[in-house]
Each structure stands twice: as C-alpha cells, then as structure tokens.
Amino acid sequence: MSGGSILIQYLRISVEDLDNNGVDKDESNSIANQRELLRGYVEDNPELGGYQVMELCDDGYSGTNMERLGMEKLLDMAKKGLAGCIIVKDFSRFGRDYLTVSDYVDQIFPFMGIRFISINDNYDSAKCNGATSGVEIAFRNVIYGYYSQDLSVKVRSGKRTKAQSGKFMSPFAPIGYQKSPENRNQLVVEPEGAAIVRRIFQMAGEGMGVMQILRVLNRERIPTPSQLKNQHGEFHKWWVGVGDNKVWDGSTVVNILRDERYLGKNVYGRYYRPVVGNYRTKRKNREEWVTVEDCHEAILSREEFTAAQKILREQAGRSNSSGAVHLFSGKIRCANCQYALHRMKSPTPRYYCITKRRAEDFQCMKGHLKESELAEAVFAAVKAYIGVLLDRRELKKKTEDSGRIPALRKQLTSLQSCVKECRERKARLYEQLADEEISRETFKSRQAALSHRQEEAQADQERLEEELAKLEHIISSGRIKEQTLENYLGMEELTREMVEAFIDCIYVYDDKSIHIQWRFCFKTTKESNTGD
C-alpha cells in the first residue's frame, strides 16, 4: 500500500503542559514552538518539498487518550490513503501509550506506506532500513506515561503557591473582568461586563429576587457571560444556553451574586479534578480555598455585596421552608428545555415550566398542568405497565431457569482474560525483538496472530455483553414481587411508592402530552394527553 501526497504536521498540548491557566509552563511544548520546529524541519529537508503540507492540532488534550479530534482526523486520512508523511516534535506529542505508539510507528504506518518522523527523537522511518523503533520508543513512552500522572500533582501545587501570593490562576476571568494583556495573572476591569455585574447587584440590593432579575436580563437581551467572552475572542465548548439560545439562568445569577472576587479578592481552589485527564470536578470545602485580599480593582463595595447576600439567604430560606416530598418530586421535567417543572401548591397543586418566565421564544408548556390530571394519566399508564410486567413473568422464569446468564458471565470473564493475555504477550514480543531473541519477521508474524486473536475476542465480548444486557433487562423488569404488582393493580389512585417503583422521569410537552421513562425500559411508552 502506498502513501498519499499530504504531509501532516501534528501538534498537541495538554493541560499538564500548561501553567498559569493557559500560559505555557514549558515553552518548548507550546503550539507556536512545535509549529516553528516542524515547519523549519520541512524547509530544511528538500525531499519533503513535494508534499502538500497540512497541520492538525489538539489543544488541551491528554496524550494518554487517542480519542482527540485532531488525532481522529489524522487516522481517518491515513486509512483513506491521503497521508504520505506524519511529522511530530517527539513521540509524546503523538501519544503517551507506548504500546499504541509502537504499533502505529512500527506496524500500521509502514504497512500503509506512511513515513513517520519524530524530530527530537531523531527518528525517521524512511531512514531505518527496516529496523524497528522497538523498545526504545516503548520505554521512552513508559517514562512519559509516569510523567503525565506525576506532573498534574506538581502543576496543581505550583498553581496553589502562586495563588497564595495573589496571582490570578483560574482559566477564565469572571464577567466584569479580563486578564491583563501585560500580566495574565492579573485581573483588570472590563467595562461592559462590570456594568452588568453592578446592575445585577443593584437589582438584588433593591429587593428583587433571582427570578425577577432573570426576567429583566432576558427581556432586555443583556449579553450573557459566555456571549461577552465570545465577543472578546474567548470560546469554550461548555458555554451553552438553554436550547440553541444564550439565556440567563438562575445558577448564573446566583454565582455572580456570591462571587467574592468582585470585592477585589482572588479566590482559587474551589474545585479540583480527582482523575488526571478527566474534566469532571468536585467542590472543595471552603476552608481549603485560597483567598487573598486586595489583588485587583473592586467592582462593588462591601455594602453592595452584603445586601445581595441578604436577598440570597432570604430566598434560600423560603425555598427550603418546605422539605416535604410530593407525588412527583424529582420525577417531572419539561420535554423542551429539560428543566424540572416547578410545583405550585395553591389554590390546587399544579406544575409549570419556569423557562418561559425567565426567557421568551421557548416552546415550553403554556400555563399550568394540574397534579390531579397528571396523576390520573400516569396511574392509567402504570396499571398498563404492571400488566405487561405480569405477562412477562413466564419469560423471566424461563430466562432464570435456563442458566444462560451465569454461562455468559463465565464466558465474558474468559474473553477478558484472553484480551489481557494478548496485550501482555504483545508487550513481551517488543522486549524479545529489542533483545534480538527473535527476528523481525517472527515478531511481525506473532504480533499479527496475537492482534487477530485479540480482535476476535473483543468482538465476541461485545456480542455476549449485548446478549447479557438484554437478559438482565428481563430479570430486572421482574424484580418487583408478583404479589406486590397485584397489590398495586388493586389500588384506586397513584401513590408516591408506585412512582418511585416504576418511573424514572416524566416529560411534559408543550401540548401537555406526556412521555414516561420507565425504570425498567423494555418498551417505549406512547405519549398520552392529560387533558386540561
């Protein structure tokens, strides 16, 4: 197989390579430095001049995971025969999983006729004369792997130390501020955002609640924090509003009203990532935060901030005054905006979607939905659902009696062991090749056999997991005892116990029809209209 006509310059930088929340900790790994190095190498090597040069970049992705947008496009182009040469700064830019990197460099790319160059590792597949990069890449990437795990701990420690000295270390400045062009660790006031912040605090200080503030902001089309950031050239994939629109919501307003940075403080370390490379965060206890006074110009006075906290406490008191669990607590949402419906107790219990109150142009449910009408419709659906469960008892019994589930689990354990063994044997092959215990031809033959066996085992594993999931669905749908189901059928009205037993969520559409998502979902429930 011959390679294509495109030379791909691949660049990658991860959060572990960054310090000061966006400033390169190691300038040699910066995107600009990688780009300059790769372009210079191409210009200095005339034999690369015949290629069409293309750049692919993954900014903010860990090298321990190959599921990166740029990498996926690179591999797709390679499979389509478009890539003739791939060039990287070093092997760690391509990836930190040494087995995967070695597979691509030693086997996959040579088979596809693709030349691979790692500049700092002095590696060029076109100049290897058939020799494998072998264990040299393997052990180098093992070191890179350990380095990535340890580096994030050191980076966090360094950031905390700098935050304690008053430097701003968070990734993005809060609305009303921006990072100083001269010093990225210093906040300066951004006039448009600051005016919005002052107005929010002013409205809170005048006694307006969060919902009232939301209505004003959305009615007047005041730019949201994400829209302001976008206007200043900052973009983030998580900055989304309700639906396809940018809309102020309650949590955004509350977060602004609670943010002490508007008093001139630096506040750092409120959240942390428990797992390296995972973007999920957990909140720290307040005593673990780093708080430093008088670090930048304040937008608010202490009195303005204190007045807003009073309003928040009063609202929290009202919202928490009744902790009673009602019939559909935590079980009912708007099908359009996906927010939980709010319950009004008087004059009669009813539900409404709050999104239409805080923003216009949403096709959410209009008006209210009486709890009694919803309960009647859901009760009829639950009774029908119970009938289906009872009808499936014989199928459940046959499934349990067949012994198929234990057999599947045993087979899956065996397949998982097989996959693990293949990986370990492939790793040993690299060592044997490096120690010249086996020839390159023997290495290729054995590795191909192991890869084939591993792929077959993984395919069988996926097939059996799917079958097991289906059978366990049947078993799970019968976990409620038959006598209990018959007792439910004999009830005259819906109870909270029944809702918790059968329903995961109820979605209400704009015409007040509903869709029930069952806890044991083996069939799709038709929409039903509750009436009005």
Protein backbone atom coordinates (compact mmCIF):
# COMPACT_ATOMS: atom_id res chain seq x y z
CA MET A 1 0.00 0.00 0.00
CA SER A 2 1.48 3.38 -0.96
CA GLY A 3 1.09 6.58 1.00
CA GLY A 4 -0.72 9.72 -0.11
CA SER A 5 0.50 13.14 -1.12
CA ILE A 6 -0.19 15.04 2.13
CA LEU A 7 2.37 15.73 4.86
CA ILE A 8 0.61 16.12 8.21
CA GLN A 9 2.28 18.24 10.85
CA TYR A 10 0.68 17.05 14.10
CA LEU A 11 0.80 19.28 17.20
CA ARG A 12 -0.56 18.59 20.67
CA ILE A 13 -0.53 20.37 24.00
CA SER A 14 -2.39 19.23 27.13
CA VAL A 15 -3.47 20.85 30.38
CA GLU A 16 -0.43 19.22 32.01
CA ASP A 17 1.80 21.24 29.65
CA LEU A 18 0.23 24.50 30.78
CA ASP A 19 0.79 26.69 33.79
CA ASN A 20 -0.86 29.90 34.92
CA ASN A 21 -4.06 28.67 33.32
CA GLY A 22 -3.14 28.99 29.71
CA VAL A 23 0.47 30.16 29.81
CA ASP A 24 2.96 27.54 28.64
CA LYS A 25 4.81 26.01 31.55
CA ASP A 26 7.42 24.61 29.17
CA GLU A 27 7.78 26.94 26.20
CA SER A 28 9.33 24.12 24.14
CA ASN A 29 5.96 22.33 24.18
CA SER A 30 3.92 25.37 23.18
CA ILE A 31 1.88 25.13 19.99
CA ALA A 32 3.86 28.04 18.50
CA ASN A 33 7.17 26.34 19.24
CA GLN A 34 6.02 23.00 17.86
CA ARG A 35 4.75 24.70 14.71
CA GLU A 36 8.03 26.57 14.18
CA LEU A 37 10.09 23.42 14.77
CA LEU A 38 8.04 21.30 12.33
CA ARG A 39 7.95 23.94 9.60
CA GLY A 40 11.69 24.53 9.92
CA TYR A 41 12.36 20.80 9.60
CA VAL A 42 10.27 20.54 6.44
CA GLU A 43 12.01 23.57 4.92
CA ASP A 44 15.46 22.13 5.76
CA ASN A 45 14.72 18.76 4.12
CA PRO A 46 14.18 19.23 0.35
CA GLU A 47 12.85 15.66 -0.13
CA LEU A 48 9.73 16.73 1.82
CA GLY A 49 9.05 19.60 -0.56
CA GLY A 50 6.86 17.52 -2.86
CA TYR A 51 4.15 17.05 -0.23
CA GLN A 52 1.08 19.19 0.31
CA VAL A 53 1.54 20.35 3.92
CA MET A 54 -1.39 20.21 6.36
CA GLU A 55 -1.48 20.98 10.09
CA LEU A 56 -3.63 19.16 12.66
CA CYS A 57 -3.66 20.35 16.27
CA ASP A 58 -5.14 19.06 19.53
CA ASP A 59 -5.11 21.85 22.10
CA GLY A 60 -5.85 20.79 25.68
CA TYR A 61 -5.97 17.00 25.14
CA SER A 62 -4.09 14.45 27.22
CA GLY A 63 -1.69 12.16 25.34
CA THR A 64 -2.89 9.17 27.36
CA ASN A 65 -6.08 9.11 25.29
CA MET A 66 -6.10 8.65 21.49
CA GLU A 67 -9.68 9.97 21.25
CA ARG A 68 -8.76 13.50 20.17
CA LEU A 69 -10.33 15.45 17.33
CA GLY A 70 -7.07 16.13 15.50
CA MET A 71 -5.79 12.59 16.02
CA GLU A 72 -9.06 11.07 14.80
CA LYS A 73 -8.86 13.14 11.62
CA LEU A 74 -5.19 12.16 11.15
CA LEU A 75 -6.00 8.44 11.44
CA ASP A 76 -9.02 8.82 9.15
CA MET A 77 -6.84 10.43 6.48
CA ALA A 78 -4.28 7.65 6.93
CA LYS A 79 -6.95 4.97 6.41
CA LYS A 80 -8.15 6.73 3.26
CA GLY A 81 -4.62 6.73 1.84
CA LEU A 82 -4.33 10.54 1.86
CA ALA A 83 -1.39 10.86 4.27
CA GLY A 84 2.11 10.29 2.89
CA CYS A 85 4.11 11.57 5.86
CA ILE A 86 3.41 12.41 9.50
CA ILE A 87 5.80 14.60 11.46
CA VAL A 88 5.76 15.37 15.21
CA LYS A 89 8.04 17.15 17.67
CA ASP A 90 8.52 13.95 19.71
CA PHE A 91 6.76 10.65 20.33
CA SER A 92 4.92 12.02 23.37
CA ARG A 93 3.11 14.54 21.15
CA PHE A 94 1.66 11.62 19.17
CA GLY A 95 0.70 9.70 22.32
CA ARG A 96 1.84 8.51 25.73
CA ASP A 97 0.55 4.91 25.48
CA TYR A 98 3.78 3.20 24.49
CA LEU A 99 2.15 0.06 23.05
CA THR A 100 -0.22 2.06 20.86
CA VAL A 101 2.53 4.42 19.65
CA SER A 102 4.82 1.50 18.84
CA ASP A 103 2.02 -0.30 16.97
CA TYR A 104 1.44 2.72 14.75
CA VAL A 105 5.11 3.57 14.18
CA ASP A 106 6.39 0.01 13.67
CA GLN A 107 3.45 -1.72 12.03
CA ILE A 108 0.47 0.31 10.90
CA PHE A 109 2.14 3.31 9.24
CA PRO A 110 4.83 1.22 7.45
CA PHE A 111 2.10 -1.09 6.12
CA MET A 112 0.21 1.93 4.81
CA GLY A 113 3.36 3.35 3.24
CA ILE A 114 3.31 6.40 5.53
CA ARG A 115 6.60 7.96 6.57
CA PHE A 116 6.76 8.90 10.26
CA ILE A 117 9.20 11.48 11.64
CA SER A 118 9.81 12.39 15.30
CA ILE A 119 12.27 15.27 15.26
CA ASN A 120 13.57 15.37 18.84
CA ASP A 121 13.80 11.57 18.98
CA ASN A 122 15.94 11.62 15.80
CA TYR A 123 13.59 9.05 14.27
CA ASP A 124 12.66 8.87 10.58
CA SER A 125 11.04 5.65 9.37
CA ALA A 126 12.43 6.28 5.86
CA LYS A 127 15.99 6.04 7.22
CA CYS A 128 15.60 2.99 9.46
CA ASN A 129 16.41 0.43 6.74
CA GLY A 130 13.71 -1.88 8.02
CA ALA A 131 14.75 -1.65 11.67
CA THR A 132 12.03 -1.21 14.24
CA SER A 133 11.88 1.69 16.65
CA GLY A 134 11.12 -1.07 19.15
CA VAL A 135 11.64 -0.89 22.83
CA GLU A 136 13.40 2.49 22.65
CA ILE A 137 10.01 4.08 21.89
CA ALA A 138 8.32 1.75 24.35
CA PHE A 139 10.41 2.68 27.35
CA ARG A 140 10.53 6.34 26.43
CA ASN A 141 6.75 6.44 26.41
CA VAL A 142 6.56 4.49 29.66
CA ILE A 143 8.55 7.37 31.17
CA TYR A 144 6.20 9.86 29.51
CA GLY A 145 3.22 7.96 30.99
CA TYR A 146 4.56 8.16 34.53
CA TYR A 147 5.47 11.78 33.90
CA SER A 148 1.87 12.70 32.95
CA GLN A 149 0.49 11.21 36.18
CA ASP A 150 3.02 12.95 38.39
CA LEU A 151 3.05 16.26 36.54
CA SER A 152 -0.55 17.26 37.27
CA VAL A 153 0.11 16.97 41.02
CA LYS A 154 3.18 19.21 40.71
CA VAL A 155 1.32 21.68 38.49
CA ARG A 156 -1.56 21.97 41.00
CA SER A 157 0.90 22.52 43.83
CA GLY A 158 2.69 25.24 41.86
CA LYS A 159 -0.56 26.99 40.98
CA ARG A 160 -1.68 26.98 44.59
CA THR A 161 1.59 28.55 45.71
CA LYS A 162 1.22 31.31 43.12
CA ALA A 163 -2.42 31.86 44.07
CA GLN A 164 -1.36 32.33 47.68
CA SER A 165 0.88 35.17 46.51
CA GLY A 166 -2.15 36.92 44.99
CA LYS A 167 -1.79 35.83 41.36
CA PHE A 168 -4.99 35.06 39.43
CA MET A 169 -4.77 31.39 38.44
CA SER A 170 -8.24 30.44 37.18
CA PRO A 171 -8.72 29.54 33.49
CA PHE A 172 -11.21 32.32 32.74
CA ALA A 173 -11.84 35.73 34.27
CA PRO A 174 -15.33 36.23 35.76
CA ILE A 175 -17.75 38.50 33.89
CA GLY A 176 -16.75 42.11 34.60
CA TYR A 177 -13.04 41.34 34.40
CA GLN A 178 -10.50 40.22 31.88
CA LYS A 179 -6.88 39.14 32.16
CA SER A 180 -4.37 41.92 31.72
CA PRO A 181 -2.54 41.70 28.36
CA GLU A 182 0.72 42.55 30.16
CA ASN A 183 0.22 40.05 33.01
CA ARG A 184 -2.11 37.08 32.57
CA ASN A 185 -2.14 36.57 36.33
CA GLN A 186 -3.68 39.99 36.97
CA LEU A 187 -7.37 40.93 36.54
CA VAL A 188 -8.42 44.28 35.11
CA VAL A 189 -11.95 45.65 34.91
CA GLU A 190 -13.86 45.04 31.65
CA PRO A 191 -16.32 47.96 31.44
CA GLU A 192 -19.29 46.33 29.69
CA GLY A 193 -19.31 43.26 31.92
CA ALA A 194 -18.68 45.33 35.04
CA ALA A 195 -21.76 47.45 34.28
CA ILE A 196 -23.86 44.27 34.03
CA VAL A 197 -22.48 42.97 37.34
CA ARG A 198 -23.21 46.28 39.09
CA ARG A 199 -26.75 46.27 37.75
CA ILE A 200 -27.39 42.72 38.96
CA PHE A 201 -26.20 43.66 42.45
CA GLN A 202 -28.21 46.86 42.32
CA MET A 203 -31.40 44.94 41.50
CA ALA A 204 -30.67 42.45 44.30
CA GLY A 205 -29.99 45.32 46.70
CA GLU A 206 -33.40 46.81 45.82
CA GLY A 207 -35.04 43.58 46.96
CA MET A 208 -35.54 41.88 43.58
CA GLY A 209 -35.35 38.09 43.66
CA VAL A 210 -33.35 35.96 41.26
CA MET A 211 -36.38 35.26 39.05
CA GLN A 212 -37.18 38.97 38.75
CA ILE A 213 -33.56 39.72 37.85
CA LEU A 214 -33.62 36.96 35.22
CA ARG A 215 -36.72 38.37 33.56
CA VAL A 216 -35.12 41.82 33.30
CA LEU A 217 -31.85 40.48 31.87
CA ASN A 218 -33.54 38.24 29.31
CA ARG A 219 -36.23 40.76 28.37
CA GLU A 220 -33.61 43.42 27.65
CA ARG A 221 -31.36 40.92 25.84
CA ILE A 222 -28.44 41.66 28.15
CA PRO A 223 -25.42 39.64 26.90
CA THR A 224 -24.69 36.54 28.97
CA PRO A 225 -21.18 35.92 30.37
CA SER A 226 -20.43 33.45 27.56
CA GLN A 227 -21.56 35.91 24.89
CA LEU A 228 -19.27 38.58 26.32
CA LYS A 229 -16.37 36.12 26.37
CA ASN A 230 -17.07 35.20 22.74
CA GLN A 231 -17.05 38.90 21.80
CA HIS A 232 -13.58 39.16 23.34
CA GLY A 233 -12.33 36.15 21.37
CA GLU A 234 -12.65 33.55 24.13
CA PHE A 235 -14.60 30.38 23.34
CA HIS A 236 -15.40 27.29 25.33
CA LYS A 237 -17.38 24.21 24.29
CA TRP A 238 -19.27 24.19 27.63
CA TRP A 239 -20.61 27.74 27.24
CA VAL A 240 -24.12 26.90 26.07
CA GLY A 241 -27.53 28.25 26.97
CA VAL A 242 -30.98 26.66 27.16
CA GLY A 243 -31.74 25.05 23.81
CA ASP A 244 -29.87 26.77 21.00
CA ASN A 245 -30.12 30.22 22.60
CA LYS A 246 -27.98 32.16 25.02
CA VAL A 247 -30.19 32.75 28.03
CA TRP A 248 -29.52 33.92 31.56
CA ASP A 249 -30.44 31.27 34.12
CA GLY A 250 -30.76 31.26 37.87
CA SER A 251 -27.48 29.50 38.64
CA THR A 252 -25.50 32.09 36.65
CA VAL A 253 -27.07 34.99 38.53
CA VAL A 254 -26.63 33.28 41.91
CA ASN A 255 -22.96 32.51 41.15
CA ILE A 256 -22.35 36.18 40.31
CA LEU A 257 -24.09 37.36 43.48
CA ARG A 258 -21.93 35.01 45.57
CA ASP A 259 -18.60 35.75 43.86
CA GLU A 260 -16.25 37.50 46.30
CA ARG A 261 -13.81 38.34 43.51
CA TYR A 262 -15.93 41.43 42.80
CA LEU A 263 -14.60 42.78 46.13
CA GLY A 264 -11.04 42.74 44.78
CA LYS A 265 -10.20 39.30 46.20
CA ASN A 266 -8.53 36.40 44.44
CA VAL A 267 -10.33 33.14 45.19
CA TYR A 268 -8.67 29.93 43.98
CA GLY A 269 -9.06 26.19 44.51
CA ARG A 270 -12.84 25.91 44.89
CA TYR A 271 -12.88 22.83 42.65
CA TYR A 272 -10.43 20.06 41.77
CA ARG A 273 -10.19 17.15 39.30
CA PRO A 274 -9.93 13.80 41.12
CA VAL A 275 -8.72 11.96 37.97
CA VAL A 276 -5.91 13.12 35.67
CA GLY A 277 -7.21 13.83 32.16
CA ASN A 278 -10.85 13.80 33.31
CA TYR A 279 -12.68 17.12 33.14
CA ARG A 280 -15.17 16.31 35.90
CA THR A 281 -14.62 18.32 39.05
CA LYS A 282 -15.56 18.17 42.71
CA ARG A 283 -16.09 21.10 45.05
CA LYS A 284 -13.67 21.60 47.94
CA ASN A 285 -14.62 22.70 51.43
CA ARG A 286 -14.40 26.46 51.88
CA GLU A 287 -11.54 26.21 54.38
CA GLU A 288 -9.41 24.63 51.61
CA TRP A 289 -9.85 27.60 49.25
CA VAL A 290 -7.07 30.15 48.73
CA THR A 291 -8.45 33.66 49.38
CA VAL A 292 -6.25 36.76 49.10
CA GLU A 293 -7.50 40.33 49.69
CA ASP A 294 -6.82 43.44 47.54
CA CYS A 295 -5.47 41.73 44.43
CA HIS A 296 -7.27 43.80 41.78
CA GLU A 297 -9.71 46.69 41.42
CA ALA A 298 -13.05 46.00 43.12
CA ILE A 299 -16.27 46.41 41.13
CA LEU A 300 -18.50 46.51 44.22
CA SER A 301 -18.44 47.96 47.70
CA ARG A 302 -18.67 45.71 50.74
CA GLU A 303 -22.15 47.15 51.46
CA GLU A 304 -23.46 46.29 47.97
CA PHE A 305 -22.16 42.74 48.25
CA THR A 306 -23.59 42.24 51.76
CA ALA A 307 -27.03 43.47 50.67
CA ALA A 308 -27.12 40.88 47.89
CA GLN A 309 -26.18 38.07 50.29
CA LYS A 310 -29.16 39.00 52.45
CA ILE A 311 -31.53 38.53 49.50
CA LEU A 312 -29.95 35.15 48.68
CA ARG A 313 -30.34 33.97 52.27
CA GLU A 314 -34.00 35.02 52.35
CA GLN A 315 -34.71 33.20 49.10
CA ALA A 316 -32.88 30.11 50.30
CA GLY A 317 -34.97 30.18 53.47
CA ARG A 318 -38.21 30.38 51.50
CA SER A 319 -37.21 27.66 49.05
CA ASN A 320 -36.11 25.33 51.85
CA SER A 321 -39.02 26.06 54.15
CA SER A 322 -40.95 23.05 52.91
CA GLY A 323 -38.93 19.89 52.59
CA ALA A 324 -41.96 17.67 52.05
CA VAL A 325 -41.79 15.12 49.23
CA HIS A 326 -44.81 15.35 46.96
CA LEU A 327 -46.19 12.82 44.48
CA PHE A 328 -43.84 13.64 41.58
CA SER A 329 -40.81 15.06 43.44
CA GLY A 330 -37.73 14.80 41.24
CA LYS A 331 -39.64 12.93 38.55
CA ILE A 332 -41.09 15.56 36.20
CA ARG A 333 -39.38 17.70 33.55
CA CYS A 334 -40.20 19.90 30.56
CA ALA A 335 -39.66 17.91 27.36
CA ASN A 336 -38.49 21.03 25.52
CA CYS A 337 -35.90 22.68 27.77
CA GLN A 338 -35.24 19.62 30.00
CA TYR A 339 -35.54 21.67 33.21
CA ALA A 340 -37.54 20.33 36.15
CA LEU A 341 -41.11 21.64 36.32
CA HIS A 342 -41.99 23.78 39.32
CA ARG A 343 -44.85 22.90 41.63
CA MET A 344 -47.37 25.45 42.87
CA LYS A 345 -49.29 24.35 45.97
CA SER A 346 -52.31 26.67 45.86
CA PRO A 347 -55.10 27.01 45.04
CA THR A 348 -54.63 23.41 43.88
CA PRO A 349 -51.32 21.60 43.23
CA ARG A 350 -50.15 22.25 39.67
CA TYR A 351 -46.96 22.38 37.59
CA TYR A 352 -45.49 24.99 35.28
CA CYS A 353 -42.25 25.46 33.30
CA ILE A 354 -40.18 28.30 34.66
CA THR A 355 -38.16 28.76 31.45
CA LYS A 356 -40.96 30.71 29.79
CA ARG A 357 -40.97 33.09 32.75
CA ARG A 358 -37.27 33.89 32.58
CA ALA A 359 -36.87 33.94 28.77
CA GLU A 360 -39.10 34.43 25.75
CA ASP A 361 -39.41 32.45 22.49
CA PHE A 362 -39.38 28.98 24.04
CA GLN A 363 -41.94 26.38 23.01
CA CYS A 364 -42.34 25.04 26.53
CA MET A 365 -45.64 24.08 28.14
CA LYS A 366 -48.00 27.03 28.38
CA GLY A 367 -49.99 27.65 31.51
CA HIS A 368 -50.24 25.01 34.23
CA LEU A 369 -50.79 21.28 34.48
CA LYS A 370 -52.94 20.14 37.40
CA GLU A 371 -51.35 17.49 39.56
CA SER A 372 -54.65 15.59 39.77
CA GLU A 373 -54.91 15.32 35.97
CA LEU A 374 -51.29 14.25 35.67
CA ALA A 375 -51.77 11.66 38.41
CA GLU A 376 -54.80 10.22 36.62
CA ALA A 377 -52.94 9.84 33.31
CA VAL A 378 -49.82 8.41 34.96
CA PHE A 379 -51.90 5.99 37.07
CA ALA A 380 -53.53 4.57 33.93
CA ALA A 381 -50.10 4.16 32.31
CA VAL A 382 -48.64 2.48 35.42
CA LYS A 383 -51.51 -0.03 35.55
CA ALA A 384 -50.94 -0.90 31.89
CA TYR A 385 -47.23 -1.20 32.60
CA ILE A 386 -47.87 -3.56 35.52
CA GLY A 387 -49.98 -5.72 33.21
CA VAL A 388 -47.05 -6.03 30.83
CA LEU A 389 -44.74 -6.96 33.71
CA LEU A 390 -47.08 -9.70 34.86
CA ASP A 391 -47.35 -11.05 31.32
CA ARG A 392 -43.55 -11.32 31.18
CA ARG A 393 -43.28 -13.48 34.31
CA GLU A 394 -43.14 -16.70 32.34
CA LEU A 395 -40.37 -15.34 30.10
CA LYS A 396 -38.46 -14.21 33.18
CA LYS A 397 -38.80 -17.64 34.77
CA LYS A 398 -37.56 -19.37 31.62
CA THR A 399 -34.61 -16.97 31.46
CA GLU A 400 -33.63 -17.63 35.07
CA ASP A 401 -34.09 -21.40 34.73
CA SER A 402 -32.02 -21.62 31.55
CA GLY A 403 -28.76 -20.78 33.34
CA ARG A 404 -27.74 -18.69 30.35
CA ILE A 405 -26.79 -15.61 32.41
CA PRO A 406 -24.17 -17.41 34.59
CA ALA A 407 -22.79 -19.06 31.46
CA LEU A 408 -22.48 -15.71 29.71
CA ARG A 409 -20.70 -14.16 32.67
CA LYS A 410 -18.25 -17.06 32.75
CA GLN A 411 -17.56 -16.71 29.02
CA LEU A 412 -17.06 -12.96 29.39
CA THR A 413 -14.51 -13.48 32.16
CA SER A 414 -12.63 -15.90 29.91
CA LEU A 415 -12.68 -13.44 26.99
CA GLN A 416 -11.48 -10.59 29.19
CA SER A 417 -8.58 -12.77 30.34
CA CYS A 418 -7.80 -13.60 26.71
CA VAL A 419 -7.66 -9.92 25.73
CA LYS A 420 -5.41 -9.15 28.69
CA GLU A 421 -3.12 -12.07 27.84
CA CYS A 422 -2.80 -10.89 24.21
CA ARG A 423 -1.77 -7.42 25.35
CA GLU A 424 0.82 -8.83 27.75
CA ARG A 425 2.25 -11.20 25.13
CA LYS A 426 2.50 -8.35 22.60
CA ALA A 427 4.42 -6.34 25.19
CA ARG A 428 6.82 -9.26 25.72
CA LEU A 429 7.32 -9.52 21.95
CA TYR A 430 8.71 -5.98 21.90
CA GLU A 431 11.24 -6.94 24.57
CA GLN A 432 12.25 -10.12 22.72
CA LEU A 433 12.74 -8.16 19.50
CA ALA A 434 14.79 -5.49 21.26
CA ASP A 435 16.97 -8.17 22.87
CA GLU A 436 17.36 -9.83 19.44
CA GLU A 437 15.86 -13.07 20.75
CA ILE A 438 13.54 -13.18 17.71
CA SER A 439 13.79 -11.88 14.17
CA ARG A 440 11.73 -9.00 12.80
CA GLU A 441 9.81 -11.49 10.59
CA THR A 442 8.96 -13.67 13.59
CA PHE A 443 7.97 -10.57 15.53
CA LYS A 444 5.59 -9.43 12.78
CA SER A 445 4.06 -12.88 12.37
CA ARG A 446 3.45 -13.44 16.07
CA GLN A 447 2.19 -9.92 16.64
CA ALA A 448 -0.27 -10.25 13.74
CA ALA A 449 -1.56 -13.56 15.17
CA LEU A 450 -1.96 -12.02 18.61
CA SER A 451 -3.72 -8.95 17.20
CA HIS A 452 -6.11 -11.18 15.24
CA ARG A 453 -6.86 -13.26 18.32
CA GLN A 454 -7.37 -10.12 20.42
CA GLU A 455 -9.77 -8.60 17.87
CA GLU A 456 -11.80 -11.82 17.71
CA ALA A 457 -12.01 -11.99 21.50
CA GLN A 458 -13.09 -8.35 21.73
CA ALA A 459 -15.77 -8.89 19.05
CA ASP A 460 -17.10 -11.95 20.92
CA GLN A 461 -17.01 -9.96 24.14
CA GLU A 462 -19.14 -7.16 22.67
CA ARG A 463 -21.65 -9.68 21.28
CA LEU A 464 -22.00 -11.53 24.60
CA GLU A 465 -22.24 -8.28 26.59
CA GLU A 466 -25.16 -7.21 24.40
CA GLU A 467 -26.92 -10.54 24.92
CA LEU A 468 -26.27 -10.39 28.68
CA ALA A 469 -27.68 -6.85 28.87
CA LYS A 470 -30.90 -7.98 27.18
CA LEU A 471 -31.33 -10.94 29.53
CA GLU A 472 -30.59 -8.84 32.60
CA HIS A 473 -33.22 -6.36 31.40
CA ILE A 474 -35.77 -9.15 31.51
CA ILE A 475 -34.66 -10.13 35.01
CA SER A 476 -34.60 -6.51 36.26
CA SER A 477 -38.13 -5.92 34.98
CA GLY A 478 -39.25 -8.71 37.28
CA ARG A 479 -37.53 -7.61 40.47
CA ILE A 480 -40.78 -6.41 41.96
CA LYS A 481 -42.60 -9.35 43.50
CA GLU A 482 -45.69 -10.63 41.72
CA GLN A 483 -47.86 -10.16 44.80
CA THR A 484 -46.68 -6.55 45.09
CA LEU A 485 -47.61 -5.91 41.46
CA GLU A 486 -51.07 -7.37 42.00
CA ASN A 487 -51.48 -5.20 45.11
CA TYR A 488 -50.62 -2.13 43.04
CA LEU A 489 -53.22 -3.11 40.45
CA GLY A 490 -55.82 -3.16 43.22
CA MET A 491 -55.12 0.42 44.30
CA GLU A 492 -57.59 3.14 43.42
CA GLU A 493 -55.11 6.01 42.95
CA LEU A 494 -51.44 6.70 42.25
CA THR A 495 -49.08 6.75 45.24
CA ARG A 496 -45.55 8.06 45.74
CA GLU A 497 -44.42 4.47 46.33
CA MET A 498 -45.67 3.48 42.87
CA VAL A 499 -43.97 6.47 41.24
CA GLU A 500 -40.64 5.58 42.83
CA ALA A 501 -41.02 1.90 41.99
CA PHE A 502 -41.75 2.28 38.28
CA ILE A 503 -40.88 5.76 36.96
CA ASP A 504 -37.50 7.25 36.16
CA CYS A 505 -38.83 10.52 34.71
CA ILE A 506 -41.99 12.08 33.23
CA TYR A 507 -41.51 14.52 30.33
CA VAL A 508 -44.27 17.05 29.61
CA TYR A 509 -44.62 18.57 26.13
CA ASP A 510 -45.96 21.98 25.14
CA ASP A 511 -49.43 20.49 24.41
CA LYS A 512 -49.36 18.83 27.88
CA SER A 513 -48.96 15.34 26.48
CA ILE A 514 -46.52 13.23 28.47
CA HIS A 515 -43.83 10.65 27.87
CA ILE A 516 -42.92 8.29 30.72
CA GLN A 517 -39.40 6.95 31.00
CA TRP A 518 -39.72 3.73 32.99
CA ARG A 519 -37.13 2.44 35.41
CA PHE A 520 -37.16 -0.91 33.59
CA CYS A 521 -37.34 0.25 29.99
CA PHE A 522 -38.07 -2.71 27.71
CA LYS A 523 -40.60 -0.90 25.54
CA THR A 524 -41.41 2.66 24.51
CA THR A 525 -44.47 4.17 26.12
CA LYS A 526 -46.78 6.10 23.82
CA GLU A 527 -47.45 9.71 24.60
CA SER A 528 -50.72 10.34 26.36
CA ASN A 529 -52.66 13.55 26.78
CA THR A 530 -53.55 14.60 30.28
CA GLY A 531 -56.36 16.90 29.25
CA ASP A 532 -56.74 20.40 30.59
